[in-house]
Amino acid sequence: MEHAVHEPHANNADLEEIMKNRDTRWYRGHLGKLNLICLLCLITSMNNGYDGSMMNGLQSLDTWKNYFGTPTGSTLGIFNAIQSIGGIAGLPFAPFLNDRLGRRWTMFLGAAIQCVGVALQTGAQSVGMFIGCRFLIGFGLAFSCLAAPTLLTELAFPSHRGPITSLYNSTWYLGSIVAAWTTYGTFRMNSTWGWRIPSLLQGLPSVIQLALIFFVPESPRWLVDHGKDEQAIKVLTKYHCGGNTEDPLIAFEYNEIREALRLEKAANKSSTYLSLFRGRGNLRRMRVIIAIAFFSQWSGNGIVSYYLNLALNGIGIKSAGQQTLINGILQVWNLGTAYLGALLVDKVGRRPLWLISVGGMLASYTLWTICNGVYAKSATNLDADGNPIGANLAAGHGVIAAIFLYYAAYNLAMSPLLVSYTVEILPFRIRSKGLMVMQMSVNASLVFNQYVNPIALGKMGWRLYIVYTCWLAFEFVYLYFTVIETKGKNGPLPLEEIAALFDGAEATEEVKAATHVQTVAQPDQGLGADYDEKAVQGKDLPVHQEFTPAPALSRDY
């Protein structure tokens, strides 16, 4: 493996010149409206996060445990893992729908399936029905989780793309907060509504998306790829340029999208899953994407994300009130630190955040393991009720502190960058398929985590944490040699230039040259030689003229 420090060849001069003296504050005017629309994509992650925290909370509720017979071991594992299994079943279909129907229709379909699953889950009358409904929710979530970040990345304003796409996965914790505090509020209820209310609220994000999804514009890249250039130009004009048809940013973005698509089509006449692993550039992408997908769930976080009650039982905190309270506070902490990580993406860079994050997790997990081991050795004498006598309470409190420190480190990179880094390094033609592989890897690692962790905790106790500590050390070394920085020296790079970083200087320069020539070819017209001015105003279809082929791509793009 070569050392993965990369100096980008693109100096981003054209985009910098276009963006000069432009008001790009995220909350102002048309950009504020665009970012408000993007929130609808963000809440897909909220639905995903709701589930983990809800299941954490339900395991502390006597009403849930009594209704379903206090599941433990492998039975408890299947309760949690079944949603991820549903996701694995749905993911193979998601890229096809995302590329054929478009991002919005795929999100709509996913939200509709989830609503059905949530309604049935809320009314579950048996273990089998509850598990089956969770499978259905996971199946629908697979469509939403693939379409939403793709649309978000391709729709976001260039200088906002890094932070806002990083907020996508970080919004996981917004859902977990709602679930954690809902279960904290219902644990005192003696009826089955104590667990049915949290189950019902799981469908809220999907209901919002069903109602509002078609107020969100379709991806300009998807529109251009399907010959709907006029609609793509209208989207860029309205949402990126405030309706100003003379803005040179329209030409820059449109020409870059079109040229990148042309180069990709020339290299891949038909995009297949084999394309993901064809050529050195794509292999460099996939070795990072698959690794961070597994690392995001195999870094020890699965214990707290789905089995916090078991971890707290191990340090003597067993009451439902205390457990649900700690869960609620932890989720608020997680949201704040995850959003901090998202906002640092373009300031610090992707590579430094990855390394700081994993290094911080390794240090805090080491502390967690030591404190838990000390507590376990001091809590060998139990009273008649099974409570430890003379346990080292300071060590137990140290475990709680280590958990909070661990998540602060985890959220610097694992939360904001898992999806955003994956999407931004993939070329358009394999973006959906590559994101599907990432989501499939996440779900596969989740199934293993959710099924194995309760069994391993029962057999190994705190010694399981030693395994994760050693694994975190491996993660740090692996990412040090494989992660490539995608932030330009003077700001965020355009999406197509980021994709080209993995394929070498020649691919980068071809995209740059094409967009630069077409942008400056006719400075008095917003779209250069290839577009009739009326097309921008929506009066006529675009008039395509002969396009001079670019040189054949070097390497394997």
Protein backbone atom coordinates (compact mmCIF):
# COMPACT_ATOMS: atom_id res chain seq x y z
CA MET A 1 0.00 0.00 0.00
CA GLU A 2 1.34 3.40 -0.88
CA HIS A 3 1.13 6.26 1.58
CA ALA A 4 -2.19 7.95 0.73
CA VAL A 5 -1.22 11.62 0.83
CA HIS A 6 -2.33 13.11 -2.47
CA GLU A 7 -1.62 16.53 -3.89
CA PRO A 8 -4.56 17.39 -6.18
CA HIS A 9 -3.65 18.64 -9.64
CA ALA A 10 -6.76 20.77 -9.89
CA ASN A 11 -6.16 24.33 -8.71
CA ASN A 12 -9.86 25.08 -8.89
CA ALA A 13 -9.06 28.49 -10.42
CA ASP A 14 -12.14 28.71 -12.66
CA LEU A 15 -14.57 27.95 -9.86
CA GLU A 16 -12.76 30.31 -7.49
CA GLU A 17 -13.04 33.10 -10.04
CA ILE A 18 -16.75 32.45 -10.54
CA MET A 19 -17.39 32.33 -6.79
CA LYS A 20 -15.44 35.52 -6.07
CA ASN A 21 -17.50 38.25 -4.34
CA ARG A 22 -20.55 35.97 -4.32
CA ASP A 23 -22.74 35.81 -1.22
CA THR A 24 -22.65 32.11 -0.38
CA ARG A 25 -23.98 32.24 3.16
CA TRP A 26 -26.04 29.11 3.62
CA TYR A 27 -29.08 30.86 5.10
CA ARG A 28 -29.44 33.72 2.58
CA GLY A 29 -31.92 33.95 -0.29
CA HIS A 30 -32.10 31.10 -2.80
CA LEU A 31 -29.33 29.19 -1.01
CA GLY A 32 -31.30 29.27 2.22
CA LYS A 33 -34.27 27.85 0.32
CA LEU A 34 -32.09 25.15 -1.26
CA ASN A 35 -30.65 24.10 2.10
CA LEU A 36 -34.12 24.01 3.62
CA ILE A 37 -35.16 21.65 0.83
CA CYS A 38 -32.08 19.53 1.50
CA LEU A 39 -33.30 18.98 5.06
CA LEU A 40 -35.90 16.60 3.64
CA CYS A 41 -33.06 14.35 2.47
CA LEU A 42 -31.32 14.61 5.85
CA ILE A 43 -34.27 13.19 7.79
CA THR A 44 -33.81 9.81 6.06
CA SER A 45 -30.81 9.35 8.32
CA MET A 46 -32.97 10.44 11.25
CA ASN A 47 -35.27 7.47 10.61
CA ASN A 48 -32.28 5.13 10.57
CA GLY A 49 -30.98 6.50 13.87
CA TYR A 50 -34.36 6.30 15.54
CA ASP A 51 -34.38 2.53 15.32
CA GLY A 52 -31.12 1.84 17.17
CA SER A 53 -31.99 4.13 20.05
CA MET A 54 -35.57 2.85 20.19
CA MET A 55 -34.42 -0.75 20.51
CA ASN A 56 -31.93 0.33 23.17
CA GLY A 57 -34.74 1.96 25.11
CA LEU A 58 -37.26 -0.85 24.63
CA GLN A 59 -34.84 -3.33 26.19
CA SER A 60 -35.04 -1.30 29.41
CA LEU A 61 -38.87 -1.23 29.45
CA ASP A 62 -40.60 -3.86 31.58
CA THR A 63 -43.73 -3.66 29.41
CA TRP A 64 -41.75 -4.62 26.28
CA LYS A 65 -39.75 -7.35 28.01
CA ASN A 66 -42.86 -8.87 29.59
CA TYR A 67 -44.86 -8.75 26.34
CA PHE A 68 -42.15 -10.49 24.31
CA GLY A 69 -40.86 -12.83 27.02
CA THR A 70 -37.64 -10.98 27.99
CA PRO A 71 -35.56 -11.99 24.94
CA THR A 72 -31.86 -12.68 25.56
CA GLY A 73 -28.83 -14.00 23.67
CA SER A 74 -29.50 -15.02 20.07
CA THR A 75 -33.22 -14.16 20.34
CA LEU A 76 -32.38 -10.61 21.38
CA GLY A 77 -29.81 -10.51 18.60
CA ILE A 78 -32.39 -11.37 15.92
CA PHE A 79 -34.77 -8.69 17.29
CA ASN A 80 -32.10 -6.09 16.55
CA ALA A 81 -30.47 -7.64 13.48
CA ILE A 82 -33.65 -8.27 11.49
CA GLN A 83 -33.96 -4.67 10.30
CA SER A 84 -30.42 -4.82 8.87
CA ILE A 85 -31.29 -8.15 7.24
CA GLY A 86 -34.25 -6.40 5.60
CA GLY A 87 -31.84 -3.72 4.40
CA ILE A 88 -29.59 -6.35 2.84
CA ALA A 89 -32.61 -7.82 1.02
CA GLY A 90 -33.66 -4.42 -0.34
CA LEU A 91 -30.30 -2.99 -1.32
CA PRO A 92 -29.76 -5.03 -4.55
CA PHE A 93 -32.89 -3.43 -6.03
CA ALA A 94 -32.14 0.10 -4.86
CA PRO A 95 -29.43 1.15 -7.39
CA PHE A 96 -31.58 0.04 -10.33
CA LEU A 97 -34.55 2.12 -9.11
CA ASN A 98 -32.31 5.04 -8.17
CA ASP A 99 -30.78 5.21 -11.65
CA ARG A 100 -33.94 4.32 -13.59
CA LEU A 101 -36.72 6.16 -11.72
CA GLY A 102 -34.66 8.96 -10.24
CA ARG A 103 -33.69 9.90 -6.71
CA ARG A 104 -37.06 11.34 -5.66
CA TRP A 105 -39.23 8.39 -6.70
CA THR A 106 -36.86 5.97 -5.01
CA MET A 107 -37.09 7.98 -1.78
CA PHE A 108 -40.89 8.04 -2.10
CA LEU A 109 -41.09 4.27 -2.53
CA GLY A 110 -38.80 3.65 0.43
CA ALA A 111 -40.79 5.99 2.70
CA ALA A 112 -44.09 4.31 1.71
CA ILE A 113 -42.76 0.83 2.55
CA GLN A 114 -41.46 2.07 5.90
CA CYS A 115 -44.83 3.59 6.79
CA VAL A 116 -46.53 0.23 6.22
CA GLY A 117 -43.90 -1.54 8.32
CA VAL A 118 -44.19 0.96 11.18
CA ALA A 119 -48.00 0.70 11.25
CA LEU A 120 -47.82 -3.09 11.49
CA GLN A 121 -44.98 -2.98 14.06
CA THR A 122 -47.02 -0.67 16.30
CA GLY A 123 -49.88 -3.16 16.28
CA ALA A 124 -47.67 -6.26 16.66
CA GLN A 125 -49.34 -9.09 18.57
CA SER A 126 -46.48 -11.60 18.67
CA VAL A 127 -42.71 -11.98 18.48
CA GLY A 128 -42.93 -13.17 14.87
CA MET A 129 -45.08 -10.22 13.80
CA PHE A 130 -42.75 -7.70 15.47
CA ILE A 131 -39.71 -9.25 13.81
CA GLY A 132 -41.43 -9.42 10.40
CA CYS A 133 -42.43 -5.76 10.56
CA ARG A 134 -38.88 -4.73 11.40
CA PHE A 135 -37.70 -6.66 8.32
CA LEU A 136 -40.15 -4.65 6.19
CA ILE A 137 -38.95 -1.35 7.69
CA GLY A 138 -35.36 -2.29 6.87
CA PHE A 139 -36.36 -3.24 3.31
CA GLY A 140 -37.90 0.19 2.69
CA LEU A 141 -35.08 2.00 4.45
CA ALA A 142 -32.63 0.46 1.96
CA PHE A 143 -34.22 2.48 -0.88
CA SER A 144 -34.29 5.71 1.11
CA CYS A 145 -30.75 5.38 2.44
CA LEU A 146 -29.37 4.95 -1.07
CA ALA A 147 -31.38 7.67 -2.81
CA ALA A 148 -31.29 10.43 -0.18
CA PRO A 149 -27.50 10.95 0.14
CA THR A 150 -27.09 10.67 -3.63
CA LEU A 151 -29.67 13.39 -4.25
CA LEU A 152 -28.22 15.52 -1.47
CA THR A 153 -24.70 15.34 -2.87
CA GLU A 154 -25.77 16.09 -6.45
CA LEU A 155 -28.14 18.90 -5.51
CA ALA A 156 -26.10 20.82 -2.92
CA PHE A 157 -24.42 24.13 -3.76
CA PRO A 158 -20.71 23.55 -4.58
CA SER A 159 -19.25 25.33 -1.55
CA HIS A 160 -21.86 23.82 0.79
CA ARG A 161 -21.63 20.23 -0.41
CA GLY A 162 -18.97 19.05 2.05
CA PRO A 163 -20.67 20.22 5.25
CA ILE A 164 -24.26 19.47 4.24
CA THR A 165 -23.57 15.95 2.98
CA SER A 166 -21.56 15.33 6.15
CA LEU A 167 -24.61 16.41 8.15
CA TYR A 168 -26.56 13.56 6.51
CA ASN A 169 -25.11 10.69 8.51
CA SER A 170 -24.74 12.94 11.58
CA THR A 171 -28.52 13.46 11.58
CA TRP A 172 -28.74 9.78 12.60
CA TYR A 173 -28.50 11.13 16.14
CA LEU A 174 -31.49 13.43 15.75
CA GLY A 175 -33.62 10.32 15.35
CA SER A 176 -31.85 8.62 18.25
CA ILE A 177 -32.56 11.62 20.50
CA VAL A 178 -36.29 11.49 19.72
CA ALA A 179 -36.36 7.73 20.39
CA ALA A 180 -34.27 7.91 23.56
CA TRP A 181 -36.37 10.60 25.20
CA THR A 182 -39.62 9.03 24.00
CA THR A 183 -38.75 5.75 25.74
CA TYR A 184 -37.62 7.72 28.81
CA GLY A 185 -41.06 9.36 28.86
CA THR A 186 -43.00 6.11 28.39
CA PHE A 187 -41.07 3.74 30.69
CA ARG A 188 -43.44 4.63 33.53
CA MET A 189 -46.50 3.51 31.53
CA ASN A 190 -47.81 0.10 32.62
CA SER A 191 -49.71 -0.70 29.41
CA THR A 192 -48.31 -1.89 26.08
CA TRP A 193 -48.49 1.71 24.86
CA GLY A 194 -45.24 2.14 26.77
CA TRP A 195 -43.51 0.45 23.80
CA ARG A 196 -46.15 1.00 21.08
CA ILE A 197 -45.83 4.82 21.21
CA PRO A 198 -42.08 4.76 20.45
CA SER A 199 -42.81 2.23 17.68
CA LEU A 200 -45.45 4.51 16.16
CA LEU A 201 -43.23 7.60 16.17
CA GLN A 202 -40.63 5.74 14.10
CA GLY A 203 -42.77 6.45 11.04
CA LEU A 204 -42.84 10.25 11.47
CA PRO A 205 -39.84 11.05 9.19
CA SER A 206 -41.28 8.83 6.44
CA VAL A 207 -44.68 10.52 6.65
CA ILE A 208 -43.00 13.94 6.27
CA GLN A 209 -41.06 12.72 3.23
CA LEU A 210 -44.16 11.26 1.58
CA ALA A 211 -45.92 14.60 1.93
CA LEU A 212 -43.08 16.84 0.74
CA ILE A 213 -40.69 14.85 -1.47
CA PHE A 214 -41.95 16.25 -4.77
CA PHE A 215 -41.22 19.79 -3.63
CA VAL A 216 -37.55 18.75 -3.89
CA PRO A 217 -35.99 19.16 -7.38
CA GLU A 218 -34.49 16.11 -9.07
CA SER A 219 -30.72 15.72 -9.28
CA PRO A 220 -29.23 17.82 -12.15
CA ARG A 221 -26.73 15.03 -12.85
CA TRP A 222 -29.50 12.45 -13.14
CA LEU A 223 -31.47 14.78 -15.43
CA VAL A 224 -28.50 15.35 -17.76
CA ASP A 225 -27.74 11.63 -17.84
CA HIS A 226 -31.34 10.97 -18.96
CA GLY A 227 -31.36 13.63 -21.68
CA LYS A 228 -33.37 16.16 -19.68
CA ASP A 229 -30.80 18.92 -20.02
CA GLU A 230 -33.32 21.75 -20.01
CA GLN A 231 -34.73 20.67 -16.66
CA ALA A 232 -31.20 20.32 -15.26
CA ILE A 233 -30.36 23.86 -16.34
CA LYS A 234 -33.53 25.17 -14.73
CA VAL A 235 -32.60 23.48 -11.45
CA LEU A 236 -29.08 24.94 -11.52
CA THR A 237 -30.39 28.36 -12.49
CA LYS A 238 -33.10 28.51 -9.82
CA TYR A 239 -31.39 26.88 -6.86
CA HIS A 240 -27.69 27.66 -7.41
CA CYS A 241 -27.91 31.02 -9.16
CA GLY A 242 -31.12 32.56 -7.84
CA GLY A 243 -32.77 32.64 -11.27
CA ASN A 244 -29.97 34.63 -12.90
CA THR A 245 -29.70 33.07 -16.39
CA GLU A 246 -26.47 35.01 -17.12
CA ASP A 247 -24.61 33.59 -14.14
CA PRO A 248 -21.41 31.83 -15.41
CA LEU A 249 -21.80 29.25 -12.63
CA ILE A 250 -24.59 27.64 -14.68
CA ALA A 251 -22.22 27.03 -17.58
CA PHE A 252 -19.44 25.81 -15.32
CA GLU A 253 -21.59 23.28 -13.48
CA TYR A 254 -23.52 22.10 -16.52
CA ASN A 255 -20.42 21.66 -18.69
CA GLU A 256 -18.58 19.86 -15.92
CA ILE A 257 -21.50 17.49 -15.37
CA ARG A 258 -21.85 16.77 -19.07
CA GLU A 259 -18.15 16.30 -19.70
CA ALA A 260 -17.69 14.03 -16.68
CA LEU A 261 -20.66 11.92 -17.83
CA ARG A 262 -19.24 11.74 -21.36
CA LEU A 263 -15.86 10.57 -20.10
CA GLU A 264 -17.48 7.98 -17.85
CA LYS A 265 -19.70 6.69 -20.66
CA ALA A 266 -16.69 6.43 -22.95
CA ALA A 267 -14.87 4.36 -20.34
CA ASN A 268 -17.88 2.26 -19.29
CA LYS A 269 -20.32 1.59 -22.11
CA SER A 270 -22.48 -0.17 -19.58
CA SER A 271 -22.01 0.21 -15.87
CA THR A 272 -22.06 -3.04 -13.90
CA TYR A 273 -21.03 -4.05 -10.43
CA LEU A 274 -17.78 -5.31 -11.91
CA SER A 275 -17.07 -1.70 -12.88
CA LEU A 276 -16.60 -0.96 -9.19
CA PHE A 277 -13.52 -3.17 -9.13
CA ARG A 278 -12.23 -2.53 -12.65
CA GLY A 279 -9.09 -0.44 -12.89
CA ARG A 280 -6.68 0.92 -10.30
CA GLY A 281 -8.72 4.02 -9.56
CA ASN A 282 -11.87 2.11 -8.66
CA LEU A 283 -9.91 -0.42 -6.62
CA ARG A 284 -8.45 2.45 -4.60
CA ARG A 285 -11.99 3.70 -4.00
CA MET A 286 -13.48 0.38 -3.00
CA ARG A 287 -10.71 -0.62 -0.61
CA VAL A 288 -11.53 2.51 1.38
CA ILE A 289 -15.32 2.41 0.99
CA ILE A 290 -15.76 -1.20 2.10
CA ALA A 291 -13.30 -0.75 4.95
CA ILE A 292 -14.94 2.36 6.44
CA ALA A 293 -18.35 0.70 6.11
CA PHE A 294 -17.23 -2.19 8.33
CA PHE A 295 -15.19 0.09 10.59
CA SER A 296 -18.26 2.26 11.21
CA GLN A 297 -19.95 -0.68 12.96
CA TRP A 298 -17.00 -2.79 14.15
CA SER A 299 -15.31 -0.10 16.21
CA GLY A 300 -17.03 -1.14 19.42
CA ASN A 301 -19.93 1.27 18.99
CA GLY A 302 -22.38 -1.58 18.39
CA ILE A 303 -22.34 -2.46 22.09
CA VAL A 304 -23.66 0.95 23.15
CA SER A 305 -25.79 1.60 20.06
CA TYR A 306 -27.94 -1.50 20.55
CA TYR A 307 -27.01 -2.98 23.96
CA LEU A 308 -26.35 -0.02 26.24
CA ASN A 309 -28.47 -1.69 28.91
CA LEU A 310 -26.12 -4.68 28.95
CA ALA A 311 -23.06 -2.42 29.16
CA LEU A 312 -24.64 -0.46 32.04
CA ASN A 313 -25.67 -3.67 33.80
CA GLY A 314 -21.97 -4.55 33.77
CA ILE A 315 -21.14 -1.53 35.95
CA GLY A 316 -24.08 -1.88 38.32
CA ILE A 317 -26.55 0.56 36.70
CA LYS A 318 -29.68 -1.54 36.29
CA SER A 319 -32.78 0.63 36.82
CA ALA A 320 -34.87 1.51 33.75
CA GLY A 321 -34.97 5.16 34.78
CA GLN A 322 -31.19 5.51 35.00
CA GLN A 323 -30.54 3.57 31.82
CA THR A 324 -33.03 5.50 29.68
CA LEU A 325 -31.79 8.80 31.14
CA ILE A 326 -28.16 8.03 30.30
CA ASN A 327 -29.26 6.93 26.82
CA GLY A 328 -31.11 10.23 26.29
CA ILE A 329 -28.19 12.39 27.45
CA LEU A 330 -25.73 10.38 25.35
CA GLN A 331 -27.77 10.94 22.18
CA VAL A 332 -27.82 14.72 22.70
CA TRP A 333 -24.04 14.61 23.19
CA ASN A 334 -23.70 12.54 20.03
CA LEU A 335 -25.73 14.96 17.92
CA GLY A 336 -23.64 17.94 19.03
CA THR A 337 -20.29 16.24 18.43
CA ALA A 338 -21.42 14.76 15.10
CA TYR A 339 -22.54 18.17 13.82
CA LEU A 340 -19.21 19.60 14.99
CA GLY A 341 -17.43 16.98 12.91
CA ALA A 342 -19.60 17.81 9.89
CA LEU A 343 -18.75 21.50 10.15
CA LEU A 344 -15.02 20.74 10.38
CA VAL A 345 -14.94 18.69 7.18
CA ASP A 346 -13.95 21.55 4.84
CA LYS A 347 -11.82 23.32 7.46
CA VAL A 348 -9.70 20.42 8.72
CA GLY A 349 -9.98 18.02 5.78
CA ARG A 350 -11.17 14.45 5.45
CA ARG A 351 -7.91 12.59 6.10
CA PRO A 352 -6.98 14.40 9.35
CA LEU A 353 -10.51 13.88 10.69
CA TRP A 354 -10.38 10.14 9.97
CA LEU A 355 -7.06 9.73 11.77
CA ILE A 356 -7.94 11.96 14.75
CA SER A 357 -11.26 10.13 15.09
CA VAL A 358 -9.83 6.60 15.10
CA GLY A 359 -6.91 7.61 17.31
CA GLY A 360 -9.31 9.17 19.82
CA MET A 361 -11.51 6.06 19.78
CA LEU A 362 -8.49 3.86 20.46
CA ALA A 363 -7.42 5.95 23.46
CA SER A 364 -10.91 6.19 24.99
CA TYR A 365 -11.68 2.50 24.39
CA THR A 366 -8.47 1.59 26.18
CA LEU A 367 -9.62 3.69 29.15
CA TRP A 368 -13.09 2.09 28.92
CA THR A 369 -11.61 -1.41 28.98
CA ILE A 370 -9.33 -0.71 31.94
CA CYS A 371 -12.11 0.91 34.03
CA ASN A 372 -14.54 -1.90 33.26
CA GLY A 373 -11.96 -4.52 34.18
CA VAL A 374 -11.23 -2.78 37.50
CA TYR A 375 -14.95 -2.55 38.28
CA ALA A 376 -15.60 -6.19 37.38
CA LYS A 377 -12.83 -7.41 39.69
CA SER A 378 -14.19 -5.30 42.58
CA ALA A 379 -17.81 -6.46 42.13
CA THR A 380 -17.47 -10.18 42.79
CA ASN A 381 -19.45 -10.18 46.07
CA LEU A 382 -23.22 -9.84 45.57
CA ASP A 383 -26.10 -9.32 47.96
CA ALA A 384 -29.37 -11.27 47.96
CA ASP A 385 -30.78 -9.12 45.14
CA GLY A 386 -27.72 -9.65 42.94
CA ASN A 387 -26.27 -6.16 43.51
CA PRO A 388 -22.48 -5.87 44.00
CA ILE A 389 -21.10 -5.21 47.48
CA GLY A 390 -18.08 -2.91 47.80
CA ALA A 391 -17.79 -2.30 44.05
CA ASN A 392 -15.37 0.35 42.81
CA LEU A 393 -17.88 3.07 41.91
CA ALA A 394 -15.16 5.40 40.62
CA ALA A 395 -14.20 2.80 38.01
CA GLY A 396 -17.87 2.47 37.02
CA HIS A 397 -18.14 6.23 36.59
CA GLY A 398 -14.92 6.09 34.58
CA VAL A 399 -16.64 3.72 32.15
CA ILE A 400 -19.47 6.24 31.61
CA ALA A 401 -16.93 9.04 31.05
CA ALA A 402 -15.00 6.84 28.59
CA ILE A 403 -18.21 6.10 26.65
CA PHE A 404 -18.86 9.83 26.20
CA LEU A 405 -15.23 10.48 25.18
CA TYR A 406 -15.35 7.55 22.78
CA TYR A 407 -18.42 8.91 21.00
CA ALA A 408 -16.92 12.39 20.76
CA ALA A 409 -14.02 10.83 18.83
CA TYR A 410 -16.28 8.51 16.80
CA ASN A 411 -18.50 11.38 15.71
CA LEU A 412 -15.65 13.49 14.35
CA ALA A 413 -15.38 11.28 11.26
CA MET A 414 -17.38 8.06 11.37
CA SER A 415 -20.70 9.89 11.57
CA PRO A 416 -20.20 12.78 9.11
CA LEU A 417 -17.83 11.16 6.60
CA LEU A 418 -19.10 7.61 6.17
CA VAL A 419 -21.69 8.57 3.56
CA SER A 420 -20.33 11.90 2.32
CA TYR A 421 -16.80 10.62 1.65
CA THR A 422 -18.20 7.55 -0.12
CA VAL A 423 -20.48 9.55 -2.39
CA GLU A 424 -18.00 12.26 -3.28
CA ILE A 425 -15.20 9.89 -4.38
CA LEU A 426 -17.45 7.82 -6.68
CA PRO A 427 -17.97 8.84 -10.34
CA PHE A 428 -21.60 9.38 -11.35
CA ARG A 429 -21.99 6.16 -13.37
CA ILE A 430 -21.08 3.93 -10.46
CA ARG A 431 -22.25 6.21 -7.65
CA SER A 432 -25.49 4.35 -6.92
CA LYS A 433 -23.84 0.94 -7.16
CA GLY A 434 -20.89 2.01 -5.03
CA LEU A 435 -23.18 3.48 -2.39
CA MET A 436 -25.18 0.23 -2.44
CA VAL A 437 -22.01 -1.78 -1.75
CA MET A 438 -21.20 0.56 1.13
CA GLN A 439 -24.72 0.24 2.58
CA MET A 440 -24.62 -3.54 2.08
CA SER A 441 -21.32 -3.70 3.95
CA VAL A 442 -22.77 -1.60 6.77
CA ASN A 443 -25.81 -3.84 7.03
CA ALA A 444 -23.71 -7.00 6.93
CA SER A 445 -21.50 -5.69 9.73
CA LEU A 446 -24.61 -4.63 11.66
CA VAL A 447 -26.15 -8.09 11.41
CA PHE A 448 -22.95 -9.59 12.79
CA ASN A 449 -22.76 -6.94 15.53
CA GLN A 450 -26.38 -7.12 16.56
CA TYR A 451 -26.47 -10.90 16.66
CA VAL A 452 -23.02 -11.65 18.09
CA ASN A 453 -22.55 -8.84 20.65
CA PRO A 454 -25.20 -9.97 23.17
CA ILE A 455 -23.88 -13.53 22.98
CA ALA A 456 -20.26 -12.39 23.32
CA LEU A 457 -21.07 -10.07 26.22
CA GLY A 458 -22.77 -12.95 28.00
CA LYS A 459 -19.77 -15.24 27.47
CA MET A 460 -16.82 -12.84 27.74
CA GLY A 461 -18.14 -9.89 29.74
CA TRP A 462 -15.80 -6.88 29.81
CA ARG A 463 -13.02 -8.86 28.06
CA LEU A 464 -14.90 -8.33 24.77
CA TYR A 465 -13.71 -4.72 24.96
CA ILE A 466 -10.09 -5.92 24.62
CA VAL A 467 -10.95 -7.38 21.21
CA TYR A 468 -12.36 -4.05 20.01
CA THR A 469 -9.36 -2.14 21.36
CA CYS A 470 -6.99 -4.27 19.27
CA TRP A 471 -9.25 -3.90 16.23
CA LEU A 472 -9.20 -0.08 16.57
CA ALA A 473 -5.40 -0.15 16.43
CA PHE A 474 -5.64 -2.04 13.13
CA GLU A 475 -8.18 0.49 11.79
CA PHE A 476 -5.80 3.38 12.45
CA VAL A 477 -2.95 1.75 10.52
CA TYR A 478 -5.21 0.76 7.62
CA LEU A 479 -6.75 4.22 7.18
CA TYR A 480 -3.35 5.90 7.48
CA PHE A 481 -2.23 4.11 4.32
CA THR A 482 -5.47 4.24 2.28
CA VAL A 483 -7.47 7.45 2.86
CA ILE A 484 -6.87 10.17 0.25
CA GLU A 485 -7.54 13.82 1.03
CA THR A 486 -10.30 15.26 -1.20
CA LYS A 487 -10.24 18.86 0.03
CA GLY A 488 -8.53 21.33 -2.28
CA LYS A 489 -5.91 23.76 -1.00
CA ASN A 490 -8.21 26.71 -1.54
CA GLY A 491 -11.59 25.20 -0.77
CA PRO A 492 -13.88 22.37 -1.80
CA LEU A 493 -13.25 20.77 -5.18
CA PRO A 494 -16.09 20.18 -7.67
CA LEU A 495 -17.57 16.70 -7.40
CA GLU A 496 -16.23 15.48 -10.73
CA GLU A 497 -12.68 16.65 -9.93
CA ILE A 498 -12.80 14.81 -6.61
CA ALA A 499 -13.74 11.62 -8.46
CA ALA A 500 -10.83 12.15 -10.82
CA LEU A 501 -8.30 12.35 -7.96
CA PHE A 502 -8.40 8.58 -7.69
CA ASP A 503 -7.71 8.12 -11.40
CA GLY A 504 -4.64 10.30 -11.70
CA ALA A 505 -3.67 13.68 -13.09
CA GLU A 506 -4.72 12.98 -16.66
CA ALA A 507 -8.36 12.34 -15.81
CA THR A 508 -8.45 15.45 -13.64
CA GLU A 509 -6.99 17.63 -16.37
CA GLU A 510 -9.44 16.34 -19.01
CA VAL A 511 -12.42 17.40 -16.90
CA LYS A 512 -10.80 20.74 -16.07
CA ALA A 513 -9.87 21.47 -19.67
CA ALA A 514 -13.33 20.68 -21.01
CA THR A 515 -15.19 22.78 -18.47
CA HIS A 516 -12.75 25.69 -18.74
CA VAL A 517 -12.90 25.85 -22.54
CA GLN A 518 -16.70 25.65 -22.64
CA THR A 519 -17.18 28.16 -19.84
CA VAL A 520 -15.05 30.87 -21.46
CA ALA A 521 -15.95 30.08 -25.08
CA GLN A 522 -18.85 32.54 -25.14
CA PRO A 523 -18.57 34.84 -22.11
CA ASP A 524 -21.71 36.72 -23.04
CA GLN A 525 -23.87 33.60 -23.00
CA GLY A 526 -24.47 31.57 -19.87
CA LEU A 527 -24.04 28.14 -21.48
CA GLY A 528 -21.36 28.50 -24.11
CA ALA A 529 -21.42 27.04 -27.60
CA ASP A 530 -23.60 24.05 -26.91
CA TYR A 531 -26.71 25.82 -25.74
CA ASP A 532 -29.24 28.12 -27.25
CA GLU A 533 -30.02 31.06 -24.96
CA LYS A 534 -33.74 30.28 -25.10
CA ALA A 535 -33.10 26.93 -23.44
CA VAL A 536 -32.06 28.71 -20.27
CA GLN A 537 -35.32 30.61 -20.24
CA GLY A 538 -37.27 27.39 -20.71
CA LYS A 539 -38.79 28.38 -24.08
CA ASP A 540 -37.14 25.78 -26.28
CA LEU A 541 -35.34 22.50 -25.96
CA PRO A 542 -31.53 22.69 -25.90
CA VAL A 543 -29.86 22.62 -29.30
CA HIS A 544 -26.99 20.12 -29.22
CA GLN A 545 -24.17 20.68 -31.66
CA GLU A 546 -21.25 18.51 -32.59
CA PHE A 547 -19.04 17.98 -29.57
CA THR A 548 -15.33 17.42 -30.11
CA PRO A 549 -14.27 14.22 -28.36
CA ALA A 550 -11.74 14.60 -25.59
CA PRO A 551 -8.55 12.48 -25.66
CA ALA A 552 -8.91 8.91 -24.54
CA LEU A 553 -8.61 8.51 -20.80
CA SER A 554 -5.37 7.23 -19.43
CA ARG A 555 -5.21 4.69 -16.61
CA ASP A 556 -8.51 2.99 -15.91
CA TYR A 557 -11.19 5.63 -15.62
